[in-house]
Amino acid sequence: MEFKDVSKGMWVESVHGIGKVLVVDEASQSVLVEQLVHEEQWALSVDEISEDPQLHNGCDQYY
């Protein structure tokens, strides 16, 4: 995924699971992601996340 495509509030997937982007840090090209189920947070590189087209804003489940 390219850094320019990442935005606050979008749902992404990583090896840690599905989460919502809370913060986008341009300086380090990283994001802070909050896990979907538990309130655990991860600081991840953009290379570690991928956008899942089956997840979309306003809905926290697959369609």
PDB file of N, CA and C in Angstrom:
ATOM      1  N   MET A   1       0.836  -1.162   0.000  1.00  0.00           N
ATOM      2  CA  MET A   1       0.000   0.000   0.000  1.00  0.00           C
ATOM      3  C   MET A   1       0.893   1.241   0.000  1.00  0.00           C
ATOM      4  N   GLU A   2       0.526   2.251  -0.741  1.00  0.00           N
ATOM      5  CA  GLU A   2       1.318   3.471  -0.818  1.00  0.00           C
ATOM      6  C   GLU A   2       0.873   4.450   0.260  1.00  0.00           C
ATOM      7  N   PHE A   3       1.836   5.197   0.785  1.00  0.00           N
ATOM      8  CA  PHE A   3       1.552   6.114   1.879  1.00  0.00           C
ATOM      9  C   PHE A   3       0.480   7.133   1.509  1.00  0.00           C
ATOM     10  N   LYS A   4       0.484   7.629   0.282  1.00  0.00           N
ATOM     11  CA  LYS A   4      -0.480   8.644  -0.145  1.00  0.00           C
ATOM     12  C   LYS A   4      -1.923   8.125  -0.115  1.00  0.00           C
ATOM     13  N   ASP A   5      -2.097   6.801  -0.106  1.00  0.00           N
ATOM     14  CA  ASP A   5      -3.428   6.205  -0.111  1.00  0.00           C
ATOM     15  C   ASP A   5      -3.988   5.986   1.291  1.00  0.00           C
ATOM     16  N   VAL A   6      -3.175   6.215   2.322  1.00  0.00           N
ATOM     17  CA  VAL A   6      -3.595   5.978   3.702  1.00  0.00           C
ATOM     18  C   VAL A   6      -4.212   7.250   4.270  1.00  0.00           C
ATOM     19  N   SER A   7      -5.350   7.092   4.957  1.00  0.00           N
ATOM     20  CA  SER A   7      -5.981   8.252   5.585  1.00  0.00           C
ATOM     21  C   SER A   7      -6.560   7.861   6.944  1.00  0.00           C
ATOM     22  N   LYS A   8      -6.675   8.843   7.807  1.00  0.00           N
ATOM     23  CA  LYS A   8      -7.238   8.633   9.130  1.00  0.00           C
ATOM     24  C   LYS A   8      -8.675   8.131   8.998  1.00  0.00           C
ATOM     25  N   GLY A   9      -9.008   7.117   9.786  1.00  0.00           N
ATOM     26  CA  GLY A   9     -10.365   6.581   9.778  1.00  0.00           C
ATOM     27  C   GLY A   9     -10.579   5.388   8.867  1.00  0.00           C
ATOM     28  N   MET A  10      -9.629   5.098   7.989  1.00  0.00           N
ATOM     29  CA  MET A  10      -9.827   3.968   7.079  1.00  0.00           C
ATOM     30  C   MET A  10      -9.529   2.653   7.789  1.00  0.00           C
ATOM     31  N   TRP A  11     -10.157   1.601   7.353  1.00  0.00           N
ATOM     32  CA  TRP A  11      -9.942   0.262   7.896  1.00  0.00           C
ATOM     33  C   TRP A  11      -8.834  -0.408   7.099  1.00  0.00           C
ATOM     34  N   VAL A  12      -7.896  -1.023   7.804  1.00  0.00           N
ATOM     35  CA  VAL A  12      -6.786  -1.706   7.155  1.00  0.00           C
ATOM     36  C   VAL A  12      -6.579  -3.067   7.800  1.00  0.00           C
ATOM     37  N   GLU A  13      -5.796  -3.879   7.141  1.00  0.00           N
ATOM     38  CA  GLU A  13      -5.486  -5.212   7.632  1.00  0.00           C
ATOM     39  C   GLU A  13      -3.969  -5.341   7.755  1.00  0.00           C
ATOM     40  N   SER A  14      -3.526  -6.039   8.787  1.00  0.00           N
ATOM     41  CA  SER A  14      -2.097  -6.304   8.980  1.00  0.00           C
ATOM     42  C   SER A  14      -1.958  -7.699   9.573  1.00  0.00           C
ATOM     43  N   VAL A  15      -0.729  -8.090   9.862  1.00  0.00           N
ATOM     44  CA  VAL A  15      -0.520  -9.398  10.487  1.00  0.00           C
ATOM     45  C   VAL A  15      -1.148  -9.448  11.881  1.00  0.00           C
ATOM     46  N   HIS A  16      -1.415  -8.278  12.466  1.00  0.00           N
ATOM     47  CA  HIS A  16      -2.038  -8.208  13.784  1.00  0.00           C
ATOM     48  C   HIS A  16      -3.551  -8.339  13.724  1.00  0.00           C
ATOM     49  N   GLY A  17      -4.128  -8.178  12.550  1.00  0.00           N
ATOM     50  CA  GLY A  17      -5.569  -8.254  12.377  1.00  0.00           C
ATOM     51  C   GLY A  17      -6.105  -6.994  11.713  1.00  0.00           C
ATOM     52  N   ILE A  18      -7.408  -6.797  11.848  1.00  0.00           N
ATOM     53  CA  ILE A  18      -8.088  -5.658  11.238  1.00  0.00           C
ATOM     54  C   ILE A  18      -8.104  -4.507  12.232  1.00  0.00           C
ATOM     55  N   GLY A  19      -7.871  -3.307  11.733  1.00  0.00           N
ATOM     56  CA  GLY A  19      -7.881  -2.147  12.606  1.00  0.00           C
ATOM     57  C   GLY A  19      -8.208  -0.875  11.863  1.00  0.00           C
ATOM     58  N   LYS A  20      -8.438   0.170  12.641  1.00  0.00           N
ATOM     59  CA  LYS A  20      -8.785   1.478  12.103  1.00  0.00           C
ATOM     60  C   LYS A  20      -7.599   2.422  12.289  1.00  0.00           C
ATOM     61  N   VAL A  21      -7.253   3.161  11.245  1.00  0.00           N
ATOM     62  CA  VAL A  21      -6.142   4.103  11.309  1.00  0.00           C
ATOM     63  C   VAL A  21      -6.548   5.294  12.175  1.00  0.00           C
ATOM     64  N   LEU A  22      -5.767   5.537  13.244  1.00  0.00           N
ATOM     65  CA  LEU A  22      -6.028   6.656  14.144  1.00  0.00           C
ATOM     66  C   LEU A  22      -5.169   7.873  13.810  1.00  0.00           C
ATOM     67  N   VAL A  23      -3.901   7.609  13.465  1.00  0.00           N
ATOM     68  CA  VAL A  23      -2.947   8.689  13.188  1.00  0.00           C
ATOM     69  C   VAL A  23      -2.088   8.292  11.995  1.00  0.00           C
ATOM     70  N   VAL A  24      -1.835   9.249  11.125  1.00  0.00           N
ATOM     71  CA  VAL A  24      -0.935   9.055   9.987  1.00  0.00           C
ATOM     72  C   VAL A  24       0.260   9.979  10.204  1.00  0.00           C
ATOM     73  N   ASP A  25       1.456   9.409  10.317  1.00  0.00           N
ATOM     74  CA  ASP A  25       2.669  10.188  10.560  1.00  0.00           C
ATOM     75  C   ASP A  25       3.496  10.252   9.281  1.00  0.00           C
ATOM     76  N   GLU A  26       3.459  11.399   8.622  1.00  0.00           N
ATOM     77  CA  GLU A  26       4.177  11.557   7.356  1.00  0.00           C
ATOM     78  C   GLU A  26       5.686  11.481   7.535  1.00  0.00           C
ATOM     79  N   ALA A  27       6.196  12.014   8.643  1.00  0.00           N
ATOM     80  CA  ALA A  27       7.649  12.052   8.864  1.00  0.00           C
ATOM     81  C   ALA A  27       8.261  10.664   8.890  1.00  0.00           C
ATOM     82  N   SER A  28       7.605   9.723   9.556  1.00  0.00           N
ATOM     83  CA  SER A  28       8.147   8.365   9.662  1.00  0.00           C
ATOM     84  C   SER A  28       7.468   7.373   8.723  1.00  0.00           C
ATOM     85  N   GLN A  29       6.507   7.868   7.921  1.00  0.00           N
ATOM     86  CA  GLN A  29       5.760   7.002   6.995  1.00  0.00           C
ATOM     87  C   GLN A  29       5.160   5.820   7.749  1.00  0.00           C
ATOM     88  N   SER A  30       4.530   6.125   8.902  1.00  0.00           N
ATOM     89  CA  SER A  30       3.923   5.080   9.712  1.00  0.00           C
ATOM     90  C   SER A  30       2.528   5.508  10.143  1.00  0.00           C
ATOM     91  N   VAL A  31       1.797   4.561  10.692  1.00  0.00           N
ATOM     92  CA  VAL A  31       0.432   4.816  11.149  1.00  0.00           C
ATOM     93  C   VAL A  31       0.224   4.204  12.521  1.00  0.00           C
ATOM     94  N   LEU A  32      -0.716   4.759  13.267  1.00  0.00           N
ATOM     95  CA  LEU A  32      -1.160   4.170  14.521  1.00  0.00           C
ATOM     96  C   LEU A  32      -2.516   3.568  14.236  1.00  0.00           C
ATOM     97  N   VAL A  33      -2.638   2.267  14.501  1.00  0.00           N
ATOM     98  CA  VAL A  33      -3.855   1.526  14.176  1.00  0.00           C
ATOM     99  C   VAL A  33      -4.442   0.948  15.457  1.00  0.00           C
ATOM    100  N   GLU A  34      -5.766   1.071  15.618  1.00  0.00           N
ATOM    101  CA  GLU A  34      -6.440   0.476  16.769  1.00  0.00           C
ATOM    102  C   GLU A  34      -7.159  -0.786  16.303  1.00  0.00           C
ATOM    103  N   GLN A  35      -6.969  -1.854  17.057  1.00  0.00           N
ATOM    104  CA  GLN A  35      -7.565  -3.140  16.722  1.00  0.00           C
ATOM    105  C   GLN A  35      -9.085  -3.058  16.749  1.00  0.00           C
ATOM    106  N   LEU A  36      -9.716  -3.803  15.903  1.00  0.00           N
ATOM    107  CA  LEU A  36     -11.162  -3.804  15.756  1.00  0.00           C
ATOM    108  C   LEU A  36     -11.871  -4.293  17.011  1.00  0.00           C
ATOM    109  N   VAL A  37     -11.439  -5.413  17.567  1.00  0.00           N
ATOM    110  CA  VAL A  37     -12.163  -6.038  18.679  1.00  0.00           C
ATOM    111  C   VAL A  37     -11.713  -5.500  20.033  1.00  0.00           C
ATOM    112  N   HIS A  38     -10.429  -5.529  20.290  1.00  0.00           N
ATOM    113  CA  HIS A  38      -9.889  -5.053  21.554  1.00  0.00           C
ATOM    114  C   HIS A  38      -9.340  -3.654  21.332  1.00  0.00           C
ATOM    115  N   GLU A  39      -9.173  -2.902  22.369  1.00  0.00           N
ATOM    116  CA  GLU A  39      -8.686  -1.536  22.210  1.00  0.00           C
ATOM    117  C   GLU A  39      -7.161  -1.469  22.195  1.00  0.00           C
ATOM    118  N   GLU A  40      -6.548  -2.480  21.650  1.00  0.00           N
ATOM    119  CA  GLU A  40      -5.090  -2.531  21.510  1.00  0.00           C
ATOM    120  C   GLU A  40      -4.686  -1.682  20.307  1.00  0.00           C
ATOM    121  N   GLN A  41      -3.526  -1.026  20.401  1.00  0.00           N
ATOM    122  CA  GLN A  41      -3.047  -0.185  19.308  1.00  0.00           C
ATOM    123  C   GLN A  41      -1.675  -0.639  18.845  1.00  0.00           C
ATOM    124  N   TRP A  42      -1.403  -0.432  17.548  1.00  0.00           N
ATOM    125  CA  TRP A  42      -0.125  -0.799  16.969  1.00  0.00           C
ATOM    126  C   TRP A  42       0.423   0.382  16.182  1.00  0.00           C
ATOM    127  N   ALA A  43       1.724   0.603  16.275  1.00  0.00           N
ATOM    128  CA  ALA A  43       2.416   1.551  15.405  1.00  0.00           C
ATOM    129  C   ALA A  43       3.023   0.709  14.287  1.00  0.00           C
ATOM    130  N   LEU A  44       2.588   0.945  13.070  1.00  0.00           N
ATOM    131  CA  LEU A  44       2.996   0.120  11.939  1.00  0.00           C
ATOM    132  C   LEU A  44       3.541   0.966  10.803  1.00  0.00           C
ATOM    133  N   SER A  45       4.463   0.394  10.077  1.00  0.00           N
ATOM    134  CA  SER A  45       4.946   0.990   8.847  1.00  0.00           C
ATOM    135  C   SER A  45       3.868   0.811   7.788  1.00  0.00           C
ATOM    136  N   VAL A  46       3.831   1.685   6.830  1.00  0.00           N
ATOM    137  CA  VAL A  46       2.856   1.565   5.747  1.00  0.00           C
ATOM    138  C   VAL A  46       3.036   0.253   4.995  1.00  0.00           C
ATOM    139  N   ASP A  47       4.260  -0.260   4.960  1.00  0.00           N
ATOM    140  CA  ASP A  47       4.528  -1.535   4.285  1.00  0.00           C
ATOM    141  C   ASP A  47       3.865  -2.715   4.994  1.00  0.00           C
ATOM    142  N   GLU A  48       3.486  -2.543   6.256  1.00  0.00           N
ATOM    143  CA  GLU A  48       2.898  -3.625   7.041  1.00  0.00           C
ATOM    144  C   GLU A  48       1.379  -3.687   6.962  1.00  0.00           C
ATOM    145  N   ILE A  49       0.760  -2.733   6.281  1.00  0.00           N
ATOM    146  CA  ILE A  49      -0.701  -2.725   6.207  1.00  0.00           C
ATOM    147  C   ILE A  49      -1.170  -2.877   4.777  1.00  0.00           C
ATOM    148  N   SER A  50      -2.402  -3.326   4.636  1.00  0.00           N
ATOM    149  CA  SER A  50      -3.024  -3.397   3.320  1.00  0.00           C
ATOM    150  C   SER A  50      -4.487  -3.024   3.461  1.00  0.00           C
ATOM    151  N   GLU A  51      -4.999  -2.378   2.449  1.00  0.00           N
ATOM    152  CA  GLU A  51      -6.408  -2.016   2.456  1.00  0.00           C
ATOM    153  C   GLU A  51      -7.197  -3.230   1.985  1.00  0.00           C
ATOM    154  N   ASP A  52      -8.258  -3.530   2.685  1.00  0.00           N
ATOM    155  CA  ASP A  52      -9.109  -4.648   2.305  1.00  0.00           C
ATOM    156  C   ASP A  52     -10.374  -4.085   1.672  1.00  0.00           C
ATOM    157  N   PRO A  53     -10.610  -4.327   0.399  1.00  0.00           N
ATOM    158  CA  PRO A  53     -11.777  -3.757  -0.275  1.00  0.00           C
ATOM    159  C   PRO A  53     -13.112  -4.216   0.310  1.00  0.00           C
ATOM    160  N   GLN A  54     -13.110  -5.281   1.098  1.00  0.00           N
ATOM    161  CA  GLN A  54     -14.360  -5.741   1.708  1.00  0.00           C
ATOM    162  C   GLN A  54     -14.675  -5.004   3.007  1.00  0.00           C
ATOM    163  N   LEU A  55     -13.725  -4.219   3.505  1.00  0.00           N
ATOM    164  CA  LEU A  55     -13.969  -3.388   4.675  1.00  0.00           C
ATOM    165  C   LEU A  55     -14.176  -1.965   4.189  1.00  0.00           C
ATOM    166  N   HIS A  56     -15.101  -1.263   4.811  1.00  0.00           N
ATOM    167  CA  HIS A  56     -15.321   0.115   4.416  1.00  0.00           C
ATOM    168  C   HIS A  56     -15.776   0.929   5.614  1.00  0.00           C
ATOM    169  N   ASN A  57     -15.579   2.236   5.537  1.00  0.00           N
ATOM    170  CA  ASN A  57     -15.944   3.112   6.644  1.00  0.00           C
ATOM    171  C   ASN A  57     -17.431   3.006   6.954  1.00  0.00           C
ATOM    172  N   GLY A  58     -17.763   3.064   8.236  1.00  0.00           N
ATOM    173  CA  GLY A  58     -19.157   2.994   8.649  1.00  0.00           C
ATOM    174  C   GLY A  58     -19.636   1.581   8.907  1.00  0.00           C
ATOM    175  N   CYS A  59     -18.789   0.602   8.659  1.00  0.00           N
ATOM    176  CA  CYS A  59     -19.179  -0.794   8.876  1.00  0.00           C
ATOM    177  C   CYS A  59     -17.948  -1.560   9.310  1.00  0.00           C
ATOM    178  N   ASP A  60     -18.031  -2.234  10.436  1.00  0.00           N
ATOM    179  CA  ASP A  60     -16.857  -2.927  10.952  1.00  0.00           C
ATOM    180  C   ASP A  60     -16.868  -4.429  10.663  1.00  0.00           C
ATOM    181  N   GLN A  61     -17.556  -4.801   9.593  1.00  0.00           N
ATOM    182  CA  GLN A  61     -17.573  -6.217   9.250  1.00  0.00           C
ATOM    183  C   GLN A  61     -17.536  -6.386   7.724  1.00  0.00           C
ATOM    184  N   TYR A  62     -17.253  -7.605   7.296  1.00  0.00           N
ATOM    185  CA  TYR A  62     -17.207  -7.896   5.861  1.00  0.00           C
ATOM    186  C   TYR A  62     -18.600  -7.873   5.291  1.00  0.00           C
ATOM    187  N   TYR A  63     -18.709  -7.579   4.020  1.00  0.00           N
ATOM    188  CA  TYR A  63     -19.995  -7.653   3.326  1.00  0.00           C
ATOM    189  C   TYR A  63     -19.918  -8.607   2.172  1.00  0.00           C
TER     190      TYR A  63
END
